[in-house]
Amino acid sequence: MRATPLILHVFGGITTGDYAEDLRELASQGTNAFMMLTVLLPSILGIGVHFIIGETGIKGFKSHLKLANFVVLLLLNYSNAATTLPQVCKNPDFDYLAFVFFTTTLLCCTAFGAAWLIGRQLQSDRSDLASLMFGLGMNNNGTGLVLAAATLSDHPTVLLPMIFYTLVQQVVAAIVDWKFFKSCDDRKVESS
């Protein structure tokens, strides 16, 4: 929790002008409360519900929870993109867009690649390797999107890296799943 204001202060120190002012203001105005309400409290409630219902009770809801999670993330990303993309499309900076796309793709592929290397070094089995790769490669940027959209709305391009990363990680995750996990499962089914 304490890391978020610290990171915002650090980036406020390396940026200039209105960006620096907005980041420093954001770091000192309720970021901890926002993180507690949107991250910590829902996590604790989820753990509590899981504990009360138990593993067998959760099994019946799992597919519905996954679908609900997918819909919520999709709506979150589209609603934030809807506030940013019209302004970006009005005056597109193609160099910046290419840079953001390349950087987010590189970052995402590096995260998945690092997890694969760690898993190989630890001689992980397939299920542990999958957990490691998707755990390190996939990031939920929803809280960051909401925080940035609410406080940095006068800087629409700030949201672009998070929007791009959210979209890119879905594509990279699908490729990783197909290449490393689904293709092996299909071969097992065909051979039996």
Protein backbone atom coordinates (compact mmCIF):
# COMPACT_ATOMS: atom_id res chain seq x y z
CA MET A 1 0.00 0.00 0.00
CA ARG A 2 2.78 2.39 0.85
CA ALA A 3 4.48 1.65 -2.46
CA THR A 4 1.85 3.43 -4.58
CA PRO A 5 2.36 6.95 -3.15
CA LEU A 6 6.12 6.38 -3.16
CA ILE A 7 6.11 5.39 -6.83
CA LEU A 8 3.89 8.36 -7.70
CA HIS A 9 6.31 10.71 -5.87
CA VAL A 10 9.29 9.20 -7.72
CA PHE A 11 7.62 9.66 -11.12
CA GLY A 12 6.46 13.11 -10.06
CA GLY A 13 10.13 13.92 -9.45
CA ILE A 14 11.30 12.81 -12.90
CA THR A 15 8.50 14.46 -14.89
CA THR A 16 7.98 18.17 -15.40
CA GLY A 17 5.20 20.71 -15.51
CA ASP A 18 1.57 19.76 -15.07
CA TYR A 19 2.36 16.02 -15.11
CA ALA A 20 4.70 16.35 -12.12
CA GLU A 21 2.19 18.47 -10.23
CA ASP A 22 -0.65 16.01 -10.88
CA LEU A 23 1.45 13.01 -9.81
CA ARG A 24 2.62 14.62 -6.59
CA GLU A 25 -0.94 15.73 -5.82
CA LEU A 26 -2.23 12.23 -6.51
CA ALA A 27 0.43 10.69 -4.25
CA SER A 28 -0.57 12.84 -1.30
CA GLN A 29 -4.37 12.77 -1.64
CA GLY A 30 -6.02 9.56 -0.55
CA THR A 31 -4.17 7.02 -2.66
CA ASN A 32 -3.89 4.65 0.30
CA ALA A 33 -7.63 4.85 1.02
CA PHE A 34 -8.40 4.27 -2.66
CA MET A 35 -6.12 1.20 -2.76
CA MET A 36 -7.63 -0.18 0.45
CA LEU A 37 -11.18 0.19 -0.86
CA THR A 38 -10.53 -1.11 -4.37
CA VAL A 39 -7.84 -3.75 -3.81
CA LEU A 40 -7.39 -4.82 -0.20
CA LEU A 41 -11.03 -4.89 0.95
CA PRO A 42 -12.34 -6.86 -2.09
CA SER A 43 -9.43 -9.30 -1.74
CA ILE A 44 -10.17 -9.90 1.94
CA LEU A 45 -13.89 -10.30 1.20
CA GLY A 46 -13.13 -12.78 -1.58
CA ILE A 47 -10.86 -14.83 0.67
CA GLY A 48 -13.50 -14.76 3.40
CA VAL A 49 -16.30 -15.88 1.06
CA HIS A 50 -14.07 -18.64 -0.32
CA PHE A 51 -13.28 -19.80 3.22
CA ILE A 52 -16.96 -19.80 4.24
CA ILE A 53 -18.31 -21.49 1.10
CA GLY A 54 -15.40 -23.90 0.73
CA GLU A 55 -13.80 -25.44 -2.32
CA THR A 56 -16.78 -27.62 -3.23
CA GLY A 57 -19.19 -24.69 -3.02
CA ILE A 58 -16.96 -22.55 -5.22
CA LYS A 59 -16.79 -25.17 -8.00
CA GLY A 60 -20.39 -24.51 -9.02
CA PHE A 61 -19.79 -20.76 -9.30
CA LYS A 62 -16.33 -20.84 -10.90
CA SER A 63 -17.42 -20.59 -14.53
CA HIS A 64 -19.91 -17.83 -13.67
CA LEU A 65 -17.27 -15.92 -11.69
CA LYS A 66 -14.82 -16.16 -14.59
CA LEU A 67 -17.45 -14.84 -17.00
CA ALA A 68 -18.40 -12.01 -14.61
CA ASN A 69 -14.73 -11.12 -14.15
CA PHE A 70 -14.22 -11.07 -17.91
CA VAL A 71 -17.25 -8.80 -18.44
CA VAL A 72 -16.19 -6.40 -15.66
CA LEU A 73 -12.63 -6.14 -17.02
CA LEU A 74 -13.92 -5.66 -20.55
CA LEU A 75 -16.30 -2.88 -19.46
CA LEU A 76 -13.58 -1.25 -17.37
CA ASN A 77 -11.14 -1.20 -20.27
CA TYR A 78 -13.68 -0.01 -22.81
CA SER A 79 -15.04 2.72 -20.56
CA ASN A 80 -11.55 4.05 -19.92
CA ALA A 81 -10.60 3.74 -23.58
CA ALA A 82 -13.79 5.61 -24.51
CA THR A 83 -12.59 8.64 -22.57
CA THR A 84 -9.07 8.50 -24.02
CA LEU A 85 -9.23 7.26 -27.59
CA PRO A 86 -11.45 10.00 -29.08
CA GLN A 87 -8.95 12.64 -27.95
CA VAL A 88 -6.02 10.55 -29.16
CA CYS A 89 -7.68 9.88 -32.53
CA LYS A 90 -8.44 13.59 -32.99
CA ASN A 91 -4.72 14.45 -32.91
CA PRO A 92 -2.83 11.17 -33.34
CA ASP A 93 0.87 11.07 -32.56
CA PHE A 94 1.87 7.98 -34.52
CA ASP A 95 5.42 7.95 -33.17
CA TYR A 96 4.11 7.94 -29.60
CA LEU A 97 1.49 5.28 -30.39
CA ALA A 98 4.13 3.05 -32.01
CA PHE A 99 6.47 3.60 -29.06
CA VAL A 100 3.76 2.72 -26.52
CA PHE A 101 2.72 -0.36 -28.50
CA PHE A 102 6.33 -1.57 -28.90
CA THR A 103 7.22 -0.90 -25.25
CA THR A 104 4.13 -2.58 -23.80
CA THR A 105 4.55 -5.58 -26.10
CA LEU A 106 8.21 -5.90 -25.14
CA LEU A 107 7.38 -5.59 -21.44
CA CYS A 108 4.65 -8.21 -21.65
CA CYS A 109 6.77 -10.67 -23.65
CA THR A 110 9.66 -10.12 -21.23
CA ALA A 111 7.42 -10.97 -18.26
CA PHE A 112 6.19 -14.19 -19.90
CA GLY A 113 9.72 -15.06 -21.06
CA ALA A 114 11.22 -14.45 -17.61
CA ALA A 115 8.60 -16.71 -16.05
CA TRP A 116 9.35 -19.41 -18.63
CA LEU A 117 13.09 -19.18 -17.89
CA ILE A 118 12.52 -19.31 -14.12
CA GLY A 119 10.22 -22.30 -14.53
CA ARG A 120 12.78 -24.10 -16.69
CA GLN A 121 15.58 -23.36 -14.22
CA LEU A 122 13.44 -24.73 -11.38
CA GLN A 123 12.46 -27.73 -13.53
CA SER A 124 8.78 -26.98 -12.91
CA ASP A 125 6.08 -29.34 -14.11
CA ARG A 126 3.53 -28.12 -16.66
CA SER A 127 0.95 -26.89 -14.14
CA ASP A 128 3.54 -24.97 -12.11
CA LEU A 129 5.04 -23.52 -15.29
CA ALA A 130 1.59 -22.39 -16.45
CA SER A 131 0.87 -20.79 -13.06
CA LEU A 132 4.23 -19.04 -13.07
CA MET A 133 3.92 -17.78 -16.65
CA PHE A 134 0.37 -16.49 -16.34
CA GLY A 135 0.94 -15.18 -12.82
CA LEU A 136 3.93 -13.11 -13.88
CA GLY A 137 2.80 -12.26 -17.41
CA MET A 138 -0.78 -11.22 -16.70
CA ASN A 139 -1.45 -8.04 -14.75
CA ASN A 140 -4.75 -6.53 -13.66
CA ASN A 141 -4.40 -2.86 -14.52
CA GLY A 142 -8.00 -2.04 -13.64
CA THR A 143 -7.21 -0.14 -10.46
CA GLY A 144 -4.51 1.86 -12.21
CA LEU A 145 -6.88 2.68 -15.07
CA VAL A 146 -9.58 3.93 -12.71
CA LEU A 147 -7.10 5.94 -10.64
CA ALA A 148 -5.49 7.49 -13.72
CA ALA A 149 -8.82 8.21 -15.43
CA ALA A 150 -10.21 9.86 -12.32
CA THR A 151 -7.23 12.05 -11.55
CA LEU A 152 -5.35 12.57 -14.79
CA SER A 153 -8.25 13.10 -17.19
CA ASP A 154 -6.60 16.24 -18.55
CA HIS A 155 -3.78 13.98 -19.85
CA PRO A 156 -5.55 11.36 -21.99
CA THR A 157 -2.32 9.83 -23.31
CA VAL A 158 -1.41 8.72 -19.77
CA LEU A 159 -3.97 5.93 -20.07
CA LEU A 160 -2.63 4.61 -23.37
CA PRO A 161 0.18 2.43 -21.97
CA MET A 162 -2.24 0.74 -19.55
CA ILE A 163 -4.88 0.26 -22.24
CA PHE A 164 -2.32 -1.10 -24.70
CA TYR A 165 -0.79 -3.41 -22.08
CA THR A 166 -4.19 -4.77 -21.09
CA LEU A 167 -4.98 -5.58 -24.73
CA VAL A 168 -1.49 -6.87 -25.61
CA GLN A 169 -1.31 -9.18 -22.59
CA GLN A 170 -4.53 -10.89 -23.69
CA VAL A 171 -3.09 -11.62 -27.12
CA VAL A 172 0.29 -12.75 -25.73
CA ALA A 173 -1.47 -14.94 -23.13
CA ALA A 174 -3.54 -16.59 -25.87
CA ILE A 175 -0.40 -17.27 -27.92
CA VAL A 176 1.46 -18.63 -24.88
CA ASP A 177 -1.50 -20.84 -23.97
CA TRP A 178 -1.77 -22.17 -27.53
CA LYS A 179 1.98 -22.64 -28.02
CA PHE A 180 3.00 -24.06 -24.64
CA PHE A 181 -0.08 -25.64 -23.16
CA LYS A 182 -3.00 -26.27 -25.53
CA SER A 183 -0.92 -27.78 -28.32
CA CYS A 184 0.59 -30.31 -25.87
CA ASP A 185 -2.84 -31.20 -24.48
CA ASP A 186 -4.18 -31.70 -28.02
CA ARG A 187 -1.26 -34.02 -28.85
CA LYS A 188 -1.99 -36.08 -25.70
CA VAL A 189 -5.65 -36.45 -26.72
CA GLU A 190 -4.75 -37.43 -30.30
CA SER A 191 -2.22 -40.07 -29.17
CA SER A 192 -4.63 -41.79 -26.75
